N, C-alpha and C. Protein backbone atom coordinates (compact mmCIF):
# COMPACT_ATOMS: atom_id res chain seq x y z
N ASP A 1 0.85 -1.18 0.00
CA ASP A 1 0.00 0.00 0.00
C ASP A 1 0.89 1.24 0.00
N ALA A 2 0.68 2.12 -0.94
CA ALA A 2 1.52 3.31 -1.09
C ALA A 2 1.42 4.26 0.09
N ASP A 3 0.34 4.20 0.88
CA ASP A 3 0.19 5.10 2.01
C ASP A 3 0.82 4.57 3.28
N GLU A 4 1.28 3.33 3.27
CA GLU A 4 1.93 2.75 4.44
C GLU A 4 3.38 3.22 4.51
N PRO A 5 3.92 3.45 5.73
CA PRO A 5 5.32 3.87 5.83
C PRO A 5 6.25 2.75 5.43
N LEU A 6 7.40 3.11 4.92
CA LEU A 6 8.43 2.16 4.59
C LEU A 6 9.09 1.73 5.90
N MET A 7 9.16 0.44 6.15
CA MET A 7 9.75 -0.07 7.39
C MET A 7 11.21 -0.42 7.14
N LEU A 8 12.10 0.24 7.83
CA LEU A 8 13.53 -0.06 7.75
C LEU A 8 13.95 -0.65 9.07
N GLY A 9 14.63 -1.75 9.04
CA GLY A 9 14.81 -2.47 10.28
C GLY A 9 16.23 -2.69 10.74
N TYR A 10 16.32 -3.43 11.83
CA TYR A 10 17.56 -3.75 12.50
C TYR A 10 17.65 -5.25 12.71
N ASN A 11 18.77 -5.82 12.41
CA ASN A 11 19.02 -7.21 12.72
C ASN A 11 20.53 -7.35 12.81
N ALA A 12 21.03 -7.72 13.96
CA ALA A 12 22.48 -7.75 14.19
C ALA A 12 23.21 -8.74 13.30
N TYR A 13 22.52 -9.69 12.75
CA TYR A 13 23.19 -10.76 12.01
C TYR A 13 22.96 -10.73 10.51
N LYS A 14 22.15 -9.84 10.03
CA LYS A 14 21.87 -9.77 8.60
C LYS A 14 22.21 -8.38 8.11
N ALA A 15 23.26 -8.27 7.33
CA ALA A 15 23.77 -6.97 6.90
C ALA A 15 22.73 -6.16 6.13
N HIS A 16 21.84 -6.81 5.44
CA HIS A 16 20.88 -6.06 4.63
C HIS A 16 19.84 -5.36 5.48
N TYR A 17 19.81 -5.58 6.78
CA TYR A 17 18.85 -4.91 7.64
C TYR A 17 19.42 -3.74 8.41
N GLY A 18 20.67 -3.47 8.31
CA GLY A 18 21.20 -2.33 9.07
C GLY A 18 22.59 -2.63 9.57
N THR A 19 22.90 -2.09 10.72
CA THR A 19 24.25 -2.21 11.24
C THR A 19 24.23 -2.55 12.71
N TRP A 20 25.31 -3.05 13.22
CA TRP A 20 25.44 -3.37 14.63
C TRP A 20 26.35 -2.37 15.31
N TYR A 21 25.82 -1.50 16.09
CA TYR A 21 26.54 -0.52 16.90
C TYR A 21 27.67 0.18 16.14
N SER A 22 27.41 0.54 14.93
CA SER A 22 28.45 1.16 14.11
C SER A 22 28.23 2.65 13.90
N GLY A 23 27.01 3.12 14.11
CA GLY A 23 26.72 4.51 13.84
C GLY A 23 26.63 4.80 12.35
N LYS A 24 26.52 3.76 11.53
CA LYS A 24 26.40 3.94 10.10
C LYS A 24 24.97 3.67 9.70
N GLY A 25 24.45 4.49 8.82
CA GLY A 25 23.09 4.28 8.34
C GLY A 25 23.02 3.11 7.37
N LEU A 26 21.83 2.72 7.06
CA LEU A 26 21.57 1.59 6.19
C LEU A 26 22.22 1.74 4.82
N PHE A 27 22.33 2.99 4.32
CA PHE A 27 22.90 3.24 3.01
C PHE A 27 24.26 3.93 3.10
N TYR A 28 24.98 3.71 4.18
CA TYR A 28 26.23 4.39 4.50
C TYR A 28 27.23 4.39 3.34
N ASP A 29 27.48 3.27 2.74
CA ASP A 29 28.51 3.17 1.70
C ASP A 29 28.01 3.49 0.30
N CYS A 30 26.80 3.96 0.17
CA CYS A 30 26.24 4.29 -1.14
C CYS A 30 26.58 5.73 -1.50
N PRO A 31 27.18 5.96 -2.65
CA PRO A 31 27.55 7.33 -3.04
C PRO A 31 26.37 8.08 -3.68
N LEU A 32 25.27 8.17 -2.95
CA LEU A 32 24.07 8.80 -3.48
C LEU A 32 24.31 10.27 -3.79
N GLU A 33 23.77 10.71 -4.91
CA GLU A 33 23.79 12.12 -5.27
C GLU A 33 22.39 12.72 -5.23
N HIS A 34 21.39 11.89 -5.48
CA HIS A 34 20.00 12.34 -5.43
C HIS A 34 19.18 11.32 -4.66
N LEU A 35 18.33 11.80 -3.79
CA LEU A 35 17.48 10.94 -2.98
C LEU A 35 16.07 11.52 -2.99
N TYR A 36 15.11 10.70 -3.36
CA TYR A 36 13.70 11.09 -3.31
C TYR A 36 13.04 10.22 -2.27
N ILE A 37 12.36 10.84 -1.31
CA ILE A 37 11.62 10.10 -0.28
C ILE A 37 10.15 10.43 -0.47
N GLY A 38 9.39 9.43 -0.88
CA GLY A 38 8.00 9.64 -1.22
C GLY A 38 7.01 9.13 -0.19
N ARG A 39 7.51 8.62 0.93
CA ARG A 39 6.61 8.16 1.99
C ARG A 39 7.33 8.23 3.33
N SER A 40 6.56 8.22 4.40
CA SER A 40 7.14 8.30 5.74
C SER A 40 7.98 7.06 6.02
N ILE A 41 8.96 7.23 6.87
CA ILE A 41 9.85 6.14 7.24
C ILE A 41 9.74 5.90 8.74
N GLU A 42 9.59 4.65 9.12
CA GLU A 42 9.61 4.24 10.51
C GLU A 42 10.72 3.21 10.67
N TYR A 43 11.13 2.99 11.90
CA TYR A 43 12.18 2.02 12.17
C TYR A 43 11.65 0.91 13.05
N ILE A 44 12.11 -0.30 12.80
CA ILE A 44 11.70 -1.45 13.58
C ILE A 44 12.63 -1.55 14.78
N ASP A 45 12.07 -1.57 15.99
CA ASP A 45 12.89 -1.71 17.19
C ASP A 45 13.40 -3.14 17.32
N TYR A 46 14.66 -3.27 17.74
CA TYR A 46 15.19 -4.62 17.97
C TYR A 46 14.68 -5.17 19.28
N ASN A 47 14.23 -4.30 20.13
CA ASN A 47 13.50 -4.69 21.35
C ASN A 47 12.69 -3.48 21.78
N ASP A 48 11.94 -3.60 22.83
CA ASP A 48 11.09 -2.48 23.23
C ASP A 48 11.76 -1.55 24.22
N LYS A 49 13.07 -1.67 24.39
CA LYS A 49 13.78 -0.85 25.37
C LYS A 49 14.82 0.06 24.73
N VAL A 50 14.61 0.46 23.50
CA VAL A 50 15.55 1.34 22.82
C VAL A 50 15.42 2.74 23.38
N SER A 51 16.50 3.26 23.91
CA SER A 51 16.47 4.64 24.41
C SER A 51 16.82 5.58 23.26
N ASP A 52 16.49 6.84 23.42
CA ASP A 52 16.80 7.80 22.38
C ASP A 52 18.30 7.88 22.14
N SER A 53 19.11 7.74 23.18
CA SER A 53 20.55 7.82 22.99
C SER A 53 21.10 6.62 22.24
N ASP A 54 20.41 5.50 22.28
CA ASP A 54 20.84 4.30 21.54
C ASP A 54 20.35 4.31 20.10
N PHE A 55 19.39 5.16 19.80
CA PHE A 55 18.70 5.11 18.52
C PHE A 55 19.66 5.18 17.35
N PHE A 56 20.56 6.16 17.35
CA PHE A 56 21.50 6.29 16.24
C PHE A 56 22.60 5.24 16.32
N ALA A 57 23.07 4.96 17.51
CA ALA A 57 24.18 4.03 17.67
C ALA A 57 23.89 2.66 17.08
N TYR A 58 22.66 2.26 17.06
CA TYR A 58 22.31 0.95 16.54
C TYR A 58 21.91 0.98 15.07
N GLY A 59 22.21 2.04 14.36
CA GLY A 59 22.03 2.08 12.93
C GLY A 59 20.62 2.31 12.45
N TYR A 60 19.78 2.96 13.25
CA TYR A 60 18.41 3.17 12.84
C TYR A 60 18.24 4.29 11.82
N SER A 61 19.23 5.08 11.64
CA SER A 61 19.10 6.19 10.71
C SER A 61 19.53 5.73 9.32
N ALA A 62 18.57 5.52 8.46
CA ALA A 62 18.84 4.97 7.14
C ALA A 62 19.84 5.79 6.34
N PHE A 63 19.77 7.10 6.42
CA PHE A 63 20.59 7.94 5.57
C PHE A 63 21.70 8.67 6.32
N ALA A 64 21.99 8.25 7.53
CA ALA A 64 23.02 8.90 8.34
C ALA A 64 24.40 8.71 7.73
N CYS A 65 25.19 9.75 7.83
CA CYS A 65 26.61 9.71 7.47
C CYS A 65 26.86 9.19 6.06
N LEU A 66 26.01 9.51 5.11
CA LEU A 66 26.23 9.08 3.74
C LEU A 66 27.58 9.58 3.25
N ARG A 67 28.23 8.77 2.47
CA ARG A 67 29.57 9.09 2.00
C ARG A 67 29.57 9.57 0.55
N SER A 68 28.71 10.50 0.24
CA SER A 68 28.66 11.01 -1.13
C SER A 68 29.37 12.35 -1.19
N SER A 69 29.66 12.78 -2.42
CA SER A 69 30.35 14.05 -2.58
C SER A 69 29.39 15.24 -2.58
N GLY A 70 28.13 14.98 -2.83
CA GLY A 70 27.11 16.02 -2.82
C GLY A 70 25.75 15.36 -2.90
N LEU A 71 24.87 15.69 -1.99
CA LEU A 71 23.58 15.03 -1.94
C LEU A 71 22.46 16.05 -2.04
N SER A 72 21.54 15.79 -2.95
CA SER A 72 20.34 16.59 -3.11
C SER A 72 19.16 15.70 -2.73
N VAL A 73 18.31 16.19 -1.82
CA VAL A 73 17.18 15.41 -1.32
C VAL A 73 15.88 16.09 -1.71
N GLU A 74 14.94 15.28 -2.15
CA GLU A 74 13.59 15.77 -2.46
C GLU A 74 12.61 14.98 -1.61
N ILE A 75 11.78 15.70 -0.86
CA ILE A 75 10.77 15.10 0.01
C ILE A 75 9.42 15.21 -0.69
N GLY A 76 8.77 14.07 -0.88
CA GLY A 76 7.50 14.02 -1.60
C GLY A 76 6.31 14.50 -0.78
N PRO A 77 5.14 14.58 -1.43
CA PRO A 77 3.96 15.15 -0.81
C PRO A 77 3.27 14.27 0.24
N LYS A 78 3.62 13.00 0.34
CA LYS A 78 2.90 12.10 1.26
C LYS A 78 3.51 12.03 2.66
N LEU A 79 4.65 12.67 2.87
CA LEU A 79 5.28 12.59 4.18
C LEU A 79 4.53 13.42 5.21
N THR A 80 4.45 12.88 6.44
CA THR A 80 3.80 13.58 7.54
C THR A 80 4.79 13.97 8.62
N ARG A 81 5.99 13.40 8.58
CA ARG A 81 7.02 13.74 9.56
C ARG A 81 8.38 13.39 9.00
N LEU A 82 9.41 14.05 9.52
CA LEU A 82 10.78 13.68 9.21
C LEU A 82 11.31 12.97 10.44
N SER A 83 11.62 11.70 10.30
CA SER A 83 12.01 10.84 11.41
C SER A 83 13.29 11.30 12.09
N ARG A 84 13.42 10.96 13.38
CA ARG A 84 14.63 11.33 14.11
C ARG A 84 15.84 10.67 13.48
N TYR A 85 16.93 11.44 13.47
CA TYR A 85 18.21 11.04 12.93
C TYR A 85 18.20 10.75 11.43
N ILE A 86 17.16 11.09 10.70
CA ILE A 86 17.04 10.67 9.31
C ILE A 86 18.25 11.08 8.46
N PHE A 87 18.79 12.28 8.67
CA PHE A 87 19.95 12.73 7.90
C PHE A 87 21.14 13.05 8.80
N PHE A 88 21.17 12.51 9.98
CA PHE A 88 22.24 12.79 10.95
C PHE A 88 23.61 12.62 10.29
N GLY A 89 24.44 13.63 10.41
CA GLY A 89 25.82 13.55 9.96
C GLY A 89 26.02 13.52 8.45
N CYS A 90 25.01 13.89 7.68
CA CYS A 90 25.16 13.93 6.23
C CYS A 90 25.81 15.24 5.83
N GLY A 91 27.11 15.30 5.97
CA GLY A 91 27.84 16.51 5.63
C GLY A 91 27.71 16.86 4.16
N SER A 92 27.40 15.88 3.33
CA SER A 92 27.28 16.12 1.89
C SER A 92 25.89 16.62 1.49
N LEU A 93 24.94 16.62 2.43
CA LEU A 93 23.60 17.13 2.13
C LEU A 93 23.67 18.64 1.96
N ASN A 94 23.52 19.09 0.71
CA ASN A 94 23.63 20.52 0.46
C ASN A 94 22.34 21.14 -0.05
N ASN A 95 21.37 20.32 -0.41
CA ASN A 95 20.12 20.85 -0.91
C ASN A 95 18.98 19.92 -0.52
N ILE A 96 17.94 20.47 0.07
CA ILE A 96 16.75 19.68 0.38
C ILE A 96 15.53 20.47 -0.09
N THR A 97 14.69 19.80 -0.86
CA THR A 97 13.47 20.40 -1.36
C THR A 97 12.30 19.62 -0.80
N ILE A 98 11.44 20.32 -0.09
CA ILE A 98 10.26 19.68 0.49
C ILE A 98 9.06 20.11 -0.34
N ASN A 99 8.36 19.14 -0.91
CA ASN A 99 7.20 19.40 -1.75
C ASN A 99 6.22 20.32 -1.02
N SER A 100 5.73 21.32 -1.71
CA SER A 100 4.82 22.29 -1.08
C SER A 100 3.50 21.65 -0.65
N SER A 101 3.18 20.48 -1.19
CA SER A 101 1.96 19.77 -0.80
C SER A 101 2.18 18.82 0.37
N ALA A 102 3.42 18.68 0.80
CA ALA A 102 3.72 17.77 1.91
C ALA A 102 3.00 18.25 3.17
N ASN A 103 2.52 17.31 3.94
CA ASN A 103 1.78 17.64 5.17
C ASN A 103 2.62 17.26 6.39
N ILE A 104 3.87 17.67 6.38
CA ILE A 104 4.78 17.37 7.49
C ILE A 104 4.40 18.24 8.68
N THR A 105 4.12 17.59 9.81
CA THR A 105 3.76 18.34 11.01
C THR A 105 4.87 18.32 12.05
N VAL A 106 5.77 17.34 11.96
CA VAL A 106 6.83 17.19 12.97
C VAL A 106 8.17 16.92 12.29
N ILE A 107 9.18 17.65 12.75
CA ILE A 107 10.57 17.33 12.41
C ILE A 107 11.16 16.80 13.70
N GLU A 108 11.44 15.50 13.72
CA GLU A 108 11.83 14.83 14.96
C GLU A 108 13.29 15.11 15.33
N ASP A 109 13.64 14.78 16.57
CA ASP A 109 14.96 15.02 17.15
C ASP A 109 16.10 14.61 16.21
N ASN A 110 17.11 15.46 16.14
CA ASN A 110 18.36 15.18 15.44
C ASN A 110 18.22 14.94 13.94
N ALA A 111 17.11 15.32 13.34
CA ALA A 111 16.85 15.01 11.92
C ALA A 111 17.95 15.51 10.99
N PHE A 112 18.48 16.71 11.24
CA PHE A 112 19.52 17.28 10.37
C PHE A 112 20.81 17.56 11.15
N LYS A 113 20.96 16.99 12.30
CA LYS A 113 22.13 17.25 13.14
C LYS A 113 23.42 16.95 12.36
N GLU A 114 24.33 17.91 12.40
CA GLU A 114 25.65 17.81 11.77
C GLU A 114 25.59 17.66 10.25
N CYS A 115 24.58 18.23 9.64
CA CYS A 115 24.53 18.33 8.18
C CYS A 115 25.29 19.59 7.79
N THR A 116 26.59 19.50 7.77
CA THR A 116 27.45 20.66 7.64
C THR A 116 27.39 21.33 6.26
N GLY A 117 26.88 20.65 5.25
CA GLY A 117 26.76 21.24 3.92
C GLY A 117 25.46 22.00 3.70
N LEU A 118 24.52 21.87 4.61
CA LEU A 118 23.21 22.50 4.47
C LEU A 118 23.31 23.99 4.78
N SER A 119 22.92 24.84 3.82
CA SER A 119 23.01 26.28 4.05
C SER A 119 21.64 26.93 4.22
N GLU A 120 20.60 26.32 3.70
CA GLU A 120 19.27 26.90 3.81
C GLU A 120 18.23 25.79 3.76
N ILE A 121 17.16 25.96 4.51
CA ILE A 121 16.06 25.02 4.47
C ILE A 121 14.76 25.80 4.62
N ILE A 122 13.78 25.41 3.83
CA ILE A 122 12.46 26.00 3.95
C ILE A 122 11.58 24.98 4.65
N ILE A 123 11.16 25.33 5.84
CA ILE A 123 10.31 24.44 6.64
C ILE A 123 8.87 24.61 6.17
N PRO A 124 8.19 23.51 5.86
CA PRO A 124 6.81 23.62 5.39
C PRO A 124 5.90 24.33 6.40
N ALA A 125 4.91 25.03 5.89
CA ALA A 125 3.97 25.78 6.73
C ALA A 125 3.14 24.87 7.63
N THR A 126 3.10 23.58 7.37
CA THR A 126 2.31 22.63 8.14
C THR A 126 3.01 22.17 9.42
N VAL A 127 4.30 22.44 9.55
CA VAL A 127 5.07 21.97 10.71
C VAL A 127 4.62 22.70 11.97
N THR A 128 4.39 21.91 13.04
CA THR A 128 3.99 22.47 14.33
C THR A 128 5.05 22.26 15.41
N SER A 129 5.96 21.30 15.18
CA SER A 129 6.95 20.97 16.20
C SER A 129 8.29 20.62 15.57
N ILE A 130 9.35 21.20 16.14
CA ILE A 130 10.72 20.93 15.72
C ILE A 130 11.43 20.37 16.95
N GLY A 131 11.91 19.15 16.86
CA GLY A 131 12.47 18.45 18.01
C GLY A 131 13.83 18.96 18.48
N TRP A 132 14.39 18.23 19.43
CA TRP A 132 15.70 18.54 20.02
C TRP A 132 16.80 18.37 18.98
N ASN A 133 17.79 19.22 19.02
CA ASN A 133 19.03 19.09 18.25
C ASN A 133 18.83 19.01 16.74
N VAL A 134 17.72 19.43 16.22
CA VAL A 134 17.41 19.21 14.81
C VAL A 134 18.48 19.79 13.88
N PHE A 135 18.95 20.99 14.15
CA PHE A 135 19.95 21.62 13.29
C PHE A 135 21.30 21.79 14.00
N GLU A 136 21.49 21.14 15.11
CA GLU A 136 22.74 21.27 15.86
C GLU A 136 23.93 20.86 14.98
N GLY A 137 24.94 21.69 14.98
CA GLY A 137 26.16 21.38 14.22
C GLY A 137 26.04 21.63 12.73
N CYS A 138 24.97 22.27 12.28
CA CYS A 138 24.83 22.64 10.86
C CYS A 138 25.62 23.93 10.67
N THR A 139 26.92 23.79 10.55
CA THR A 139 27.83 24.92 10.59
C THR A 139 27.71 25.87 9.40
N ASN A 140 27.08 25.45 8.32
CA ASN A 140 26.91 26.34 7.16
C ASN A 140 25.48 26.84 6.98
N LEU A 141 24.60 26.50 7.92
CA LEU A 141 23.22 26.96 7.84
C LEU A 141 23.19 28.49 8.00
N LYS A 142 22.69 29.17 6.97
CA LYS A 142 22.70 30.63 6.96
C LYS A 142 21.31 31.24 7.16
N LYS A 143 20.28 30.53 6.72
CA LYS A 143 18.95 31.11 6.77
C LYS A 143 17.92 30.03 7.08
N ILE A 144 16.98 30.40 7.96
CA ILE A 144 15.87 29.51 8.26
C ILE A 144 14.65 30.35 8.62
N VAL A 145 13.51 29.89 8.13
CA VAL A 145 12.24 30.55 8.41
C VAL A 145 11.39 29.56 9.22
N ILE A 146 10.94 30.01 10.38
CA ILE A 146 10.10 29.19 11.26
C ILE A 146 8.64 29.58 10.98
N PRO A 147 7.86 28.64 10.44
CA PRO A 147 6.46 28.95 10.09
C PRO A 147 5.60 29.29 11.30
N GLU A 148 4.50 29.96 11.05
CA GLU A 148 3.61 30.45 12.12
C GLU A 148 2.99 29.33 12.94
N LYS A 149 2.82 28.13 12.39
CA LYS A 149 2.18 27.03 13.12
C LYS A 149 3.12 26.35 14.12
N VAL A 150 4.42 26.61 14.01
CA VAL A 150 5.37 25.98 14.94
C VAL A 150 5.13 26.56 16.34
N THR A 151 4.86 25.67 17.29
CA THR A 151 4.62 26.09 18.68
C THR A 151 5.69 25.55 19.62
N TYR A 152 6.60 24.71 19.09
CA TYR A 152 7.63 24.12 19.95
C TYR A 152 8.91 23.92 19.14
N ILE A 153 10.02 24.38 19.72
CA ILE A 153 11.35 24.10 19.19
C ILE A 153 12.16 23.55 20.35
N GLY A 154 12.66 22.33 20.19
CA GLY A 154 13.37 21.65 21.26
C GLY A 154 14.73 22.24 21.59
N SER A 155 15.26 21.77 22.68
CA SER A 155 16.55 22.25 23.20
C SER A 155 17.68 21.98 22.23
N CYS A 156 18.65 22.86 22.24
CA CYS A 156 19.91 22.75 21.48
C CYS A 156 19.70 22.67 19.97
N THR A 157 18.55 23.06 19.49
CA THR A 157 18.25 22.93 18.06
C THR A 157 19.20 23.72 17.17
N PHE A 158 19.66 24.87 17.60
CA PHE A 158 20.55 25.68 16.77
C PHE A 158 21.97 25.77 17.34
N ASN A 159 22.30 24.89 18.26
CA ASN A 159 23.63 24.87 18.86
C ASN A 159 24.67 24.59 17.77
N GLY A 160 25.66 25.44 17.66
CA GLY A 160 26.75 25.25 16.69
C GLY A 160 26.43 25.73 15.29
N CYS A 161 25.35 26.46 15.10
CA CYS A 161 25.02 27.03 13.78
C CYS A 161 25.79 28.34 13.64
N LYS A 162 27.06 28.24 13.38
CA LYS A 162 27.99 29.37 13.44
C LYS A 162 27.81 30.41 12.34
N ARG A 163 27.09 30.07 11.28
CA ARG A 163 26.91 31.01 10.18
C ARG A 163 25.46 31.47 10.02
N LEU A 164 24.63 31.19 10.99
CA LEU A 164 23.21 31.55 10.90
C LEU A 164 23.08 33.07 10.90
N GLU A 165 22.72 33.62 9.76
CA GLU A 165 22.61 35.07 9.58
C GLU A 165 21.18 35.56 9.60
N SER A 166 20.24 34.71 9.19
CA SER A 166 18.85 35.13 9.07
C SER A 166 17.94 34.09 9.70
N LEU A 167 17.24 34.51 10.75
CA LEU A 167 16.29 33.66 11.46
C LEU A 167 14.98 34.42 11.52
N ILE A 168 13.95 33.86 10.90
CA ILE A 168 12.66 34.54 10.82
C ILE A 168 11.61 33.68 11.50
N PHE A 169 10.94 34.26 12.50
CA PHE A 169 9.79 33.63 13.13
C PHE A 169 8.56 34.32 12.53
N GLU A 170 7.84 33.61 11.68
CA GLU A 170 6.68 34.21 11.03
C GLU A 170 5.62 34.63 12.05
N ASP A 171 4.83 35.63 11.67
CA ASP A 171 3.74 36.09 12.52
C ASP A 171 2.81 34.92 12.84
N GLY A 172 2.31 34.90 14.06
CA GLY A 172 1.39 33.85 14.45
C GLY A 172 0.67 34.21 15.73
N GLU A 173 -0.43 33.54 15.97
CA GLU A 173 -1.24 33.80 17.15
C GLU A 173 -0.80 32.99 18.37
N LYS A 174 -0.25 31.80 18.15
CA LYS A 174 0.11 30.92 19.26
C LYS A 174 1.51 31.22 19.77
N THR A 175 1.69 31.01 21.07
CA THR A 175 2.99 31.20 21.70
C THR A 175 3.97 30.13 21.23
N LEU A 176 5.20 30.51 21.03
CA LEU A 176 6.26 29.59 20.63
C LEU A 176 7.06 29.23 21.88
N THR A 177 7.15 27.94 22.18
CA THR A 177 7.93 27.45 23.33
C THR A 177 9.29 27.02 22.82
N LEU A 178 10.35 27.60 23.42
CA LEU A 178 11.72 27.29 23.02
C LEU A 178 12.42 26.52 24.12
N GLY A 179 13.20 25.52 23.73
CA GLY A 179 14.02 24.77 24.67
C GLY A 179 15.26 25.56 25.03
N TYR A 180 16.06 25.00 25.89
CA TYR A 180 17.31 25.66 26.32
C TYR A 180 18.44 25.30 25.39
N ASN A 181 19.56 25.98 25.55
CA ASN A 181 20.76 25.67 24.78
C ASN A 181 21.88 25.40 25.77
N THR A 182 22.68 24.37 25.49
CA THR A 182 23.77 24.02 26.41
C THR A 182 25.00 24.85 26.11
């Protein structure tokens, strides 16, 4: 079913399912230059006790730390959220286009953490929540616009954004709750 999320999993003994405590995403060694994501992505837990700090360490981030020379990402209209750690450490991610029809409401924790090649991102107007550390370590991020529907931005989200020159919080009626920065 095209509306069902793509399930990407973990299995310590089968390489085609991910990695074992390596911090490498499922597609780590693929020299991707273009990536189109047309549906939401969920991860299969190896047990029911996965903590957030273990999430990346066990290889749950499919596209983390890609080893390409330049990556362009296109997000399709059927996505409702950007999963945690989805692009963690993708230093080669330099362009992301989110379809204007996408109904993304949540950008989960660490989604773009350490994407050092990312200089600008347009957050869809449908987003209401931006998780912890989402843009932490995005050292080339220069401009970001926070849509009016966003009511929560998690802690440390802009920590280490050393080139952030333009930050716009669009007009809105609801209060914006901001996390702390370490």
